[in-house]
């Protein structure tokens, strides 16, 4: 999914009540003449620190405001705010990025503001653990705004389907068992990265990308054509899977295939990733770390052309990109987004890019654990 519009791919009223109560408490403390430590330090701040603190405070206030606005629109609490705008998630997403970016600027200028660890595993210099409830609300809002349409055709085994399709496609492309297993794991990683392993979802930030692998209509059609070209090979290798495919294709005959989980995953993998599955042994030599491998295939979603060029170079880690448009795609997907040094970067090697994809790491680790459980026969 090579688009600036992709994200590529939480209970506000409680948070608001807590915030009001907290503010009241702090006001009382101030009236009693007790000086808060942060306020005491405020007088000692440099000009840079004061500016960074002000920028973060504004970004946080704007984030709270947009979360409250979306919650009111969803819950219909205000007559004038019942209708969600087009692409309701975009402003929310950008506000969250601004909070993290300005917090990183703040902790760079004022290291004493680095706080405790947070439950999301985000580095403490990028995220203040005190605002965890706001991120919970953020996730809850997206779950509502990106809910699958009523006609979507779900699977009872969505994760297993992804693994089986990735494996079968790789085998049809000539991969041996080890490489086919890699393909199944990588396919599951993409599913987690794109949708947090939620099937058939919409996209609150894009009119283009939808479904379990967040593909566009043209990508879906292209993947379907490529699947038709290898279907006989798949059927010869795995008749049971081919029969399932026939059933799901018939089931999705009257809908957008991106909203049938099976066909969406099948077409998405065939469109963007299948041609690389035969190269998995060589890719594993260049990138032996399993999370790095999943990150690389996620970059096929985000910036496919330079990523394929990096692979062809024979040394993917040292391959450098300097195209401003590509750097923009990366930043829009939370890569080189946080902190002044990252935002100032005009080029990067793929090693630097992979390292900067730390927000994806927890998703891929979950995918690894889920893949291992599936291989051991665990139920979803």
Protein backbone atom coordinates (compact mmCIF):
# COMPACT_ATOMS: atom_id res chain seq x y z
CA UNK A 1 0.00 0.00 0.00
CA UNK A 2 2.19 2.83 -1.25
CA UNK A 3 0.10 5.80 -0.20
CA UNK A 4 0.37 8.77 2.08
CA UNK A 5 -3.21 8.08 3.09
CA UNK A 6 -2.51 4.73 4.73
CA UNK A 7 -1.67 3.89 8.30
CA UNK A 8 0.26 1.70 6.73
CA UNK A 9 -2.34 0.34 7.75
CA UNK A 10 -10.31 4.11 23.38
CA UNK A 11 -13.70 5.67 26.65
CA UNK A 12 -13.36 9.43 26.40
CA UNK A 13 -16.06 10.45 28.86
CA UNK A 14 -14.14 8.61 31.60
CA UNK A 15 -10.89 10.29 30.59
CA UNK A 16 -12.57 13.69 30.48
CA UNK A 17 -14.09 13.20 33.95
CA UNK A 18 -10.71 12.17 35.33
CA UNK A 19 -9.03 15.17 33.70
CA UNK A 20 -11.59 17.58 35.21
CA UNK A 21 -11.17 16.06 38.64
CA UNK A 22 -7.40 16.19 38.38
CA UNK A 23 -7.45 19.84 37.32
CA UNK A 24 -9.69 20.69 40.26
CA UNK A 25 -7.29 18.97 42.63
CA UNK A 26 -4.29 20.80 41.20
CA UNK A 27 -6.14 24.10 41.49
CA UNK A 28 -6.83 23.44 45.16
CA UNK A 29 -3.20 22.54 45.76
CA UNK A 30 -2.11 25.79 44.12
CA UNK A 31 -4.54 27.78 46.27
CA UNK A 32 -3.06 26.21 49.37
CA UNK A 33 0.29 27.66 48.42
CA UNK A 34 1.98 24.36 47.57
CA UNK A 35 4.29 24.72 44.55
CA UNK A 36 4.30 21.68 42.25
CA UNK A 37 7.80 20.42 41.32
CA UNK A 38 7.19 20.88 37.59
CA UNK A 39 6.10 24.48 38.20
CA UNK A 40 9.11 25.13 40.39
CA UNK A 41 11.40 23.98 37.59
CA UNK A 42 9.54 26.07 35.05
CA UNK A 43 11.35 29.22 36.17
CA UNK A 44 14.70 27.57 35.44
CA UNK A 45 13.91 26.48 31.90
CA UNK A 46 15.95 27.63 28.96
CA UNK A 47 14.20 29.30 26.05
CA UNK A 48 14.41 26.04 24.07
CA UNK A 49 12.95 24.01 26.92
CA UNK A 50 10.10 26.46 27.46
CA UNK A 51 9.24 26.44 23.76
CA UNK A 52 9.31 22.63 23.65
CA UNK A 53 7.09 22.40 26.73
CA UNK A 54 4.61 24.87 25.24
CA UNK A 55 4.52 22.95 21.95
CA UNK A 56 3.87 19.68 23.74
CA UNK A 57 1.16 21.19 25.94
CA UNK A 58 -0.59 22.55 22.84
CA UNK A 59 -0.30 19.24 20.98
CA UNK A 60 -1.70 17.38 23.99
CA UNK A 61 -4.59 19.83 24.31
CA UNK A 62 -5.37 19.47 20.60
CA UNK A 63 -5.25 15.66 20.93
CA UNK A 64 -7.70 15.73 23.85
CA UNK A 65 -9.97 18.04 21.89
CA UNK A 66 -10.15 15.88 18.75
CA UNK A 67 -10.68 12.73 20.81
CA UNK A 68 -13.56 14.39 22.64
CA UNK A 69 -15.03 15.68 19.39
CA UNK A 70 -14.98 12.26 17.72
CA UNK A 71 -16.43 10.58 20.81
CA UNK A 72 -19.27 13.10 20.90
CA UNK A 73 -19.94 12.53 17.19
CA UNK A 74 -19.96 8.76 17.60
CA UNK A 75 -22.12 8.80 20.72
CA UNK A 76 -24.41 11.48 19.27
CA UNK A 77 -24.23 13.58 22.44
CA UNK A 78 -24.32 16.87 20.56
CA UNK A 79 -26.97 17.50 17.93
CA UNK A 80 -24.51 19.56 15.88
CA UNK A 81 -21.81 16.91 16.05
CA UNK A 82 -23.61 13.70 15.14
CA UNK A 83 -22.22 13.31 11.65
CA UNK A 84 -18.65 12.15 11.29
CA UNK A 85 -16.60 13.99 8.68
CA UNK A 86 -15.11 12.26 5.66
CA UNK A 87 -11.96 10.36 6.72
CA UNK A 88 -12.70 10.87 10.43
CA UNK A 89 -9.51 9.16 11.55
CA UNK A 90 -7.02 11.39 9.73
CA UNK A 91 -7.13 14.34 12.13
CA UNK A 92 -7.04 11.97 15.10
CA UNK A 93 -4.03 10.12 13.69
CA UNK A 94 -2.11 13.31 12.94
CA UNK A 95 -2.87 14.66 16.40
CA UNK A 96 -1.44 11.52 17.98
CA UNK A 97 1.71 11.80 15.87
CA UNK A 98 2.04 15.45 16.94
CA UNK A 99 1.82 14.51 20.61
CA UNK A 100 4.57 11.92 20.29
CA UNK A 101 6.75 14.13 18.11
CA UNK A 102 6.54 17.17 20.39
CA UNK A 103 7.13 14.98 23.43
CA UNK A 104 10.30 13.66 21.82
CA UNK A 105 11.36 17.25 21.12
CA UNK A 106 10.64 18.06 24.77
CA UNK A 107 12.66 15.17 26.20
CA UNK A 108 15.57 15.96 23.89
CA UNK A 109 15.62 19.54 25.17
CA UNK A 110 14.73 18.60 28.75
CA UNK A 111 15.85 15.02 29.56
CA UNK A 112 14.46 15.27 33.09
CA UNK A 113 10.97 15.02 31.59
CA UNK A 114 11.58 11.40 30.53
CA UNK A 115 9.22 9.40 32.70
CA UNK A 116 8.37 5.83 33.55
CA UNK A 117 7.84 2.92 31.20
CA UNK A 118 4.42 2.62 29.56
CA UNK A 119 2.17 -0.35 28.84
CA UNK A 120 2.52 0.06 25.07
CA UNK A 121 6.27 -0.56 25.08
CA UNK A 122 6.99 2.83 23.48
CA UNK A 123 10.37 4.28 24.50
CA UNK A 124 9.76 6.62 27.47
CA UNK A 125 11.48 9.51 25.69
CA UNK A 126 8.76 9.31 23.01
CA UNK A 127 5.69 8.92 25.20
CA UNK A 128 4.46 10.12 28.58
CA UNK A 129 2.92 7.15 30.40
CA UNK A 130 0.46 9.52 32.11
CA UNK A 131 -1.52 9.80 28.85
CA UNK A 132 -2.04 6.06 28.38
CA UNK A 133 -5.84 6.50 28.78
CA UNK A 134 -5.87 8.84 25.79
CA UNK A 135 -4.25 6.18 23.59
CA UNK A 136 -6.79 3.64 24.85
CA UNK A 137 -9.50 6.05 23.74
CA UNK A 138 -7.71 6.59 20.42
CA UNK A 139 -7.76 2.83 19.73
CA UNK A 140 -11.40 2.52 20.77
CA UNK A 141 -12.42 5.30 18.40
CA UNK A 142 -10.62 3.68 15.48
CA UNK A 143 -12.28 0.37 16.25
CA UNK A 144 -15.65 2.07 15.80
CA UNK A 145 -14.68 4.23 12.82
CA UNK A 146 -13.12 1.28 10.94
CA UNK A 147 -15.69 -1.38 11.78
CA UNK A 148 -16.39 -3.84 8.93
CA UNK A 149 -19.52 -3.15 6.87
CA UNK A 150 -22.58 -5.25 7.62
CA UNK A 151 -22.17 -7.29 4.42
CA UNK A 152 -18.56 -8.29 5.13
CA UNK A 153 -17.88 -12.02 5.10
CA UNK A 154 -15.80 -13.04 8.10
CA UNK A 155 -13.80 -16.19 8.74
CA UNK A 156 -13.83 -18.20 11.95
CA UNK A 157 -10.08 -18.76 11.55
CA UNK A 158 -8.72 -15.47 10.17
CA UNK A 159 -5.12 -15.88 11.34
CA UNK A 160 -4.86 -19.50 10.25
CA UNK A 161 -6.26 -18.52 6.84
CA UNK A 162 -3.46 -15.97 6.40
CA UNK A 163 -0.78 -18.51 7.30
CA UNK A 164 -2.24 -21.18 5.02
CA UNK A 165 -2.58 -18.82 2.08
CA UNK A 166 0.94 -17.45 2.48
CA UNK A 167 2.34 -20.96 2.73
CA UNK A 168 0.37 -22.27 -0.25
CA UNK A 169 1.32 -19.34 -2.46
CA UNK A 170 4.99 -19.76 -1.61
CA UNK A 171 4.86 -23.48 -2.41
CA UNK A 172 3.22 -22.73 -5.75
CA UNK A 173 6.06 -20.27 -6.40
CA UNK A 174 8.59 -23.07 -5.88
CA UNK A 175 9.58 -22.48 -2.26
CA UNK A 176 10.71 -25.43 -0.14
CA UNK A 177 9.05 -26.20 3.20
CA UNK A 178 11.30 -23.89 5.24
CA UNK A 179 10.78 -20.95 2.89
CA UNK A 180 7.03 -21.66 2.69
CA UNK A 181 6.85 -21.52 6.49
CA UNK A 182 8.65 -18.18 6.35
CA UNK A 183 6.06 -16.93 3.88
CA UNK A 184 3.23 -17.98 6.19
CA UNK A 185 4.81 -16.16 9.13
CA UNK A 186 5.52 -13.04 7.07
CA UNK A 187 1.97 -13.00 5.70
CA UNK A 188 0.64 -13.11 9.26
CA UNK A 189 2.98 -10.27 10.19
CA UNK A 190 1.51 -8.12 7.42
CA UNK A 191 -2.00 -8.89 8.69
CA UNK A 192 -1.02 -7.70 12.17
CA UNK A 193 0.79 -4.62 10.84
CA UNK A 194 -2.05 -3.54 8.57
CA UNK A 195 -5.07 -4.12 10.81
CA UNK A 196 -3.88 -5.44 14.18
CA UNK A 197 -5.21 -8.79 12.90
CA UNK A 198 -8.77 -7.48 12.54
CA UNK A 199 -10.49 -8.82 9.45
CA UNK A 200 -12.56 -6.95 6.86
CA UNK A 201 -12.08 -3.50 8.39
CA UNK A 202 -12.57 -0.21 6.61
CA UNK A 203 -10.10 2.66 6.80
CA UNK A 204 -10.89 5.87 8.67
CA UNK A 205 -7.98 7.64 6.95
CA UNK A 206 -8.46 6.57 3.33
CA UNK A 207 -11.21 6.10 0.77
CA UNK A 208 -8.93 3.75 -1.17
CA UNK A 209 -7.63 1.04 1.13
CA UNK A 210 -9.98 -1.50 2.71
CA UNK A 211 -10.19 -5.02 4.02
CA UNK A 212 -7.96 -7.44 5.90
CA UNK A 213 -4.80 -6.47 4.01
CA UNK A 214 -5.86 -2.86 3.28
CA UNK A 215 -5.69 -3.01 -0.50
CA UNK A 216 -7.06 -0.72 -3.17
CA UNK A 217 -9.48 -1.91 -5.84
CA UNK A 218 -6.85 -2.08 -8.57
CA UNK A 219 -4.46 -3.97 -6.27
CA UNK A 220 -7.22 -6.41 -5.43
CA UNK A 221 -8.02 -7.03 -9.10
CA UNK A 222 -4.34 -7.45 -9.96
CA UNK A 223 -3.91 -9.96 -7.15
CA UNK A 224 -6.97 -11.89 -8.32
CA UNK A 225 -5.52 -12.15 -11.84
CA UNK A 226 -2.20 -13.39 -10.50
CA UNK A 227 -3.97 -15.94 -8.32
CA UNK A 228 -5.82 -17.33 -11.34
CA UNK A 229 -2.45 -17.91 -13.02
CA UNK A 230 -1.18 -20.17 -10.20
CA UNK A 231 -4.46 -21.72 -9.06
CA UNK A 232 -3.81 -25.03 -10.83
CA UNK A 233 -0.43 -25.37 -9.12
CA UNK A 234 -2.03 -24.63 -5.77
CA UNK A 235 -4.74 -27.21 -6.40
CA UNK A 236 -2.16 -29.86 -7.27
CA UNK A 237 -0.21 -29.18 -4.09
CA UNK A 238 -3.14 -28.63 -1.74
CA UNK A 239 -6.55 -29.77 -3.04
CA UNK A 240 -8.28 -28.97 0.27
CA UNK A 241 -7.11 -25.36 0.20
CA UNK A 242 -8.15 -25.02 -3.44
CA UNK A 243 -11.63 -26.31 -2.56
CA UNK A 244 -11.87 -23.74 0.23
CA UNK A 245 -10.85 -21.09 -2.27
CA UNK A 246 -13.60 -22.14 -4.67
CA UNK A 247 -16.15 -21.87 -1.87
CA UNK A 248 -14.99 -18.46 -0.70
CA UNK A 249 -14.80 -17.09 -4.25
CA UNK A 250 -18.39 -18.21 -4.85
CA UNK A 251 -19.44 -16.72 -1.52
CA UNK A 252 -17.93 -13.34 -2.44
CA UNK A 253 -19.33 -13.32 -5.99
CA UNK A 254 -21.68 -10.39 -5.36
CA UNK A 255 -19.53 -8.23 -3.08
CA UNK A 256 -16.22 -6.39 -3.18
CA UNK A 257 -13.74 -9.25 -2.64
CA UNK A 258 -11.79 -7.10 -0.19
CA UNK A 259 -14.62 -7.66 2.30
CA UNK A 260 -14.35 -11.43 2.22
CA UNK A 261 -11.41 -12.18 4.49
CA UNK A 262 -10.09 -15.12 2.48
CA UNK A 263 -10.21 -13.46 -0.93
CA UNK A 264 -8.88 -10.16 0.47
CA UNK A 265 -5.80 -11.85 1.93
CA UNK A 266 -5.28 -14.03 -1.13
CA UNK A 267 -5.45 -11.11 -3.54
CA UNK A 268 -3.39 -8.82 -1.34
CA UNK A 269 -0.55 -11.33 -1.00
CA UNK A 270 -0.59 -12.13 -4.70
CA UNK A 271 -0.53 -8.46 -5.68
CA UNK A 272 2.37 -7.25 -3.55
CA UNK A 273 4.35 -10.09 -2.03
CA UNK A 274 4.04 -13.40 -3.84
CA UNK A 275 6.74 -12.68 -6.43
CA UNK A 276 9.27 -12.33 -3.61
CA UNK A 277 8.43 -15.57 -1.83
CA UNK A 278 10.78 -17.54 -4.07
CA UNK A 279 13.59 -15.22 -2.92
CA UNK A 280 13.04 -15.91 0.77
CA UNK A 281 16.22 -18.01 1.28
CA UNK A 282 18.34 -15.12 -0.06
CA UNK A 283 16.34 -12.58 1.94
CA UNK A 284 16.91 -14.63 5.10
CA UNK A 285 20.67 -14.55 4.47
CA UNK A 286 20.61 -10.76 4.18
CA UNK A 287 18.20 -10.34 7.11
CA UNK A 288 18.39 -13.33 9.46
CA UNK A 289 16.23 -11.66 12.11
CA UNK A 290 12.58 -12.70 11.72
CA UNK A 291 11.19 -9.31 12.77
CA UNK A 292 13.44 -7.58 10.24
CA UNK A 293 12.07 -9.90 7.56
CA UNK A 294 8.50 -8.91 8.41
CA UNK A 295 9.47 -5.25 8.47
CA UNK A 296 10.95 -5.60 4.99
CA UNK A 297 7.75 -7.09 3.59
CA UNK A 298 5.76 -4.35 5.31
CA UNK A 299 7.92 -1.85 3.42
CA UNK A 300 6.73 -3.59 0.25
CA UNK A 301 3.30 -2.32 1.32
CA UNK A 302 4.53 1.23 1.99
CA UNK A 303 7.34 1.93 -0.49
CA UNK A 304 7.47 -1.03 -2.92
CA UNK A 305 9.72 0.35 -5.66
CA UNK A 306 12.75 1.34 -3.55
CA UNK A 307 12.34 -1.78 -1.41
CA UNK A 308 12.53 -4.04 -4.44
CA UNK A 309 15.56 -2.09 -5.63
CA UNK A 310 17.19 -2.59 -2.23
CA UNK A 311 16.65 -6.34 -2.52
CA UNK A 312 18.11 -6.44 -6.01
CA UNK A 313 21.21 -4.61 -4.79
CA UNK A 314 22.29 -7.71 -2.90
CA UNK A 315 22.87 -5.78 0.34
CA UNK A 316 19.55 -4.49 1.51
CA UNK A 317 20.82 -2.99 4.76
CA UNK A 318 23.27 -0.58 3.11
CA UNK A 319 20.95 0.48 0.28
CA UNK A 320 20.19 4.19 0.68
CA UNK A 321 17.15 6.18 -0.38
CA UNK A 322 17.10 9.98 -0.68
CA UNK A 323 13.85 10.62 -2.55
CA UNK A 324 11.82 13.23 -0.62
CA UNK A 325 8.53 11.63 -1.64
CA UNK A 326 9.64 8.23 -0.31
CA UNK A 327 10.80 9.82 2.94
CA UNK A 328 7.34 11.39 3.16
CA UNK A 329 5.65 8.01 2.79
CA UNK A 330 7.84 6.67 5.59
CA UNK A 331 7.08 9.57 7.91
CA UNK A 332 3.37 9.19 7.30
CA UNK A 333 3.74 5.62 8.55
CA UNK A 334 5.47 6.63 11.80
CA UNK A 335 9.02 6.11 10.49
CA UNK A 336 11.43 9.05 11.03
CA UNK A 337 8.50 11.01 12.44
CA UNK A 338 9.51 11.72 16.02
CA UNK A 339 12.11 14.25 17.12
CA UNK A 340 13.93 17.00 15.27
CA UNK A 341 16.85 14.83 14.18
CA UNK A 342 14.57 12.29 12.52
CA UNK A 343 12.38 14.91 10.89
CA UNK A 344 15.48 16.57 9.45
CA UNK A 345 16.71 13.40 7.75
CA UNK A 346 16.75 13.68 3.96
CA UNK A 347 18.02 10.15 3.31
CA UNK A 348 18.41 6.83 5.08
CA UNK A 349 19.80 3.34 4.60
CA UNK A 350 17.46 0.39 4.89
CA UNK A 351 19.19 -0.58 8.12
CA UNK A 352 18.24 2.81 9.52
CA UNK A 353 14.70 2.42 8.19
CA UNK A 354 14.28 -1.03 9.74
CA UNK A 355 15.55 0.26 13.08
CA UNK A 356 13.18 3.24 12.88
CA UNK A 357 10.20 0.89 12.50
CA UNK A 358 10.16 0.23 16.24
CA UNK A 359 6.42 0.96 16.50
CA UNK A 360 5.82 -2.06 14.27
CA UNK A 361 7.96 -4.38 16.39
CA UNK A 362 5.28 -5.28 19.00
CA UNK A 363 2.86 -6.19 16.20
CA UNK A 364 5.38 -8.48 14.55
CA UNK A 365 6.25 -10.09 17.87
CA UNK A 366 2.55 -10.85 18.36
CA UNK A 367 2.46 -12.29 14.85
CA UNK A 368 5.44 -14.52 15.68
CA UNK A 369 3.72 -15.82 18.80
CA UNK A 370 0.46 -16.38 16.93
CA UNK A 371 2.25 -18.18 14.09
CA UNK A 372 4.02 -20.51 16.51
CA UNK A 373 0.73 -21.27 18.25
CA UNK A 374 -0.97 -22.05 14.93
CA UNK A 375 1.87 -24.35 13.91
CA UNK A 376 1.46 -26.18 17.20
CA UNK A 377 -2.24 -26.71 16.50
CA UNK A 378 -3.69 -24.14 18.89
CA UNK A 379 -7.22 -22.91 18.23
CA UNK A 380 -7.82 -19.23 17.51
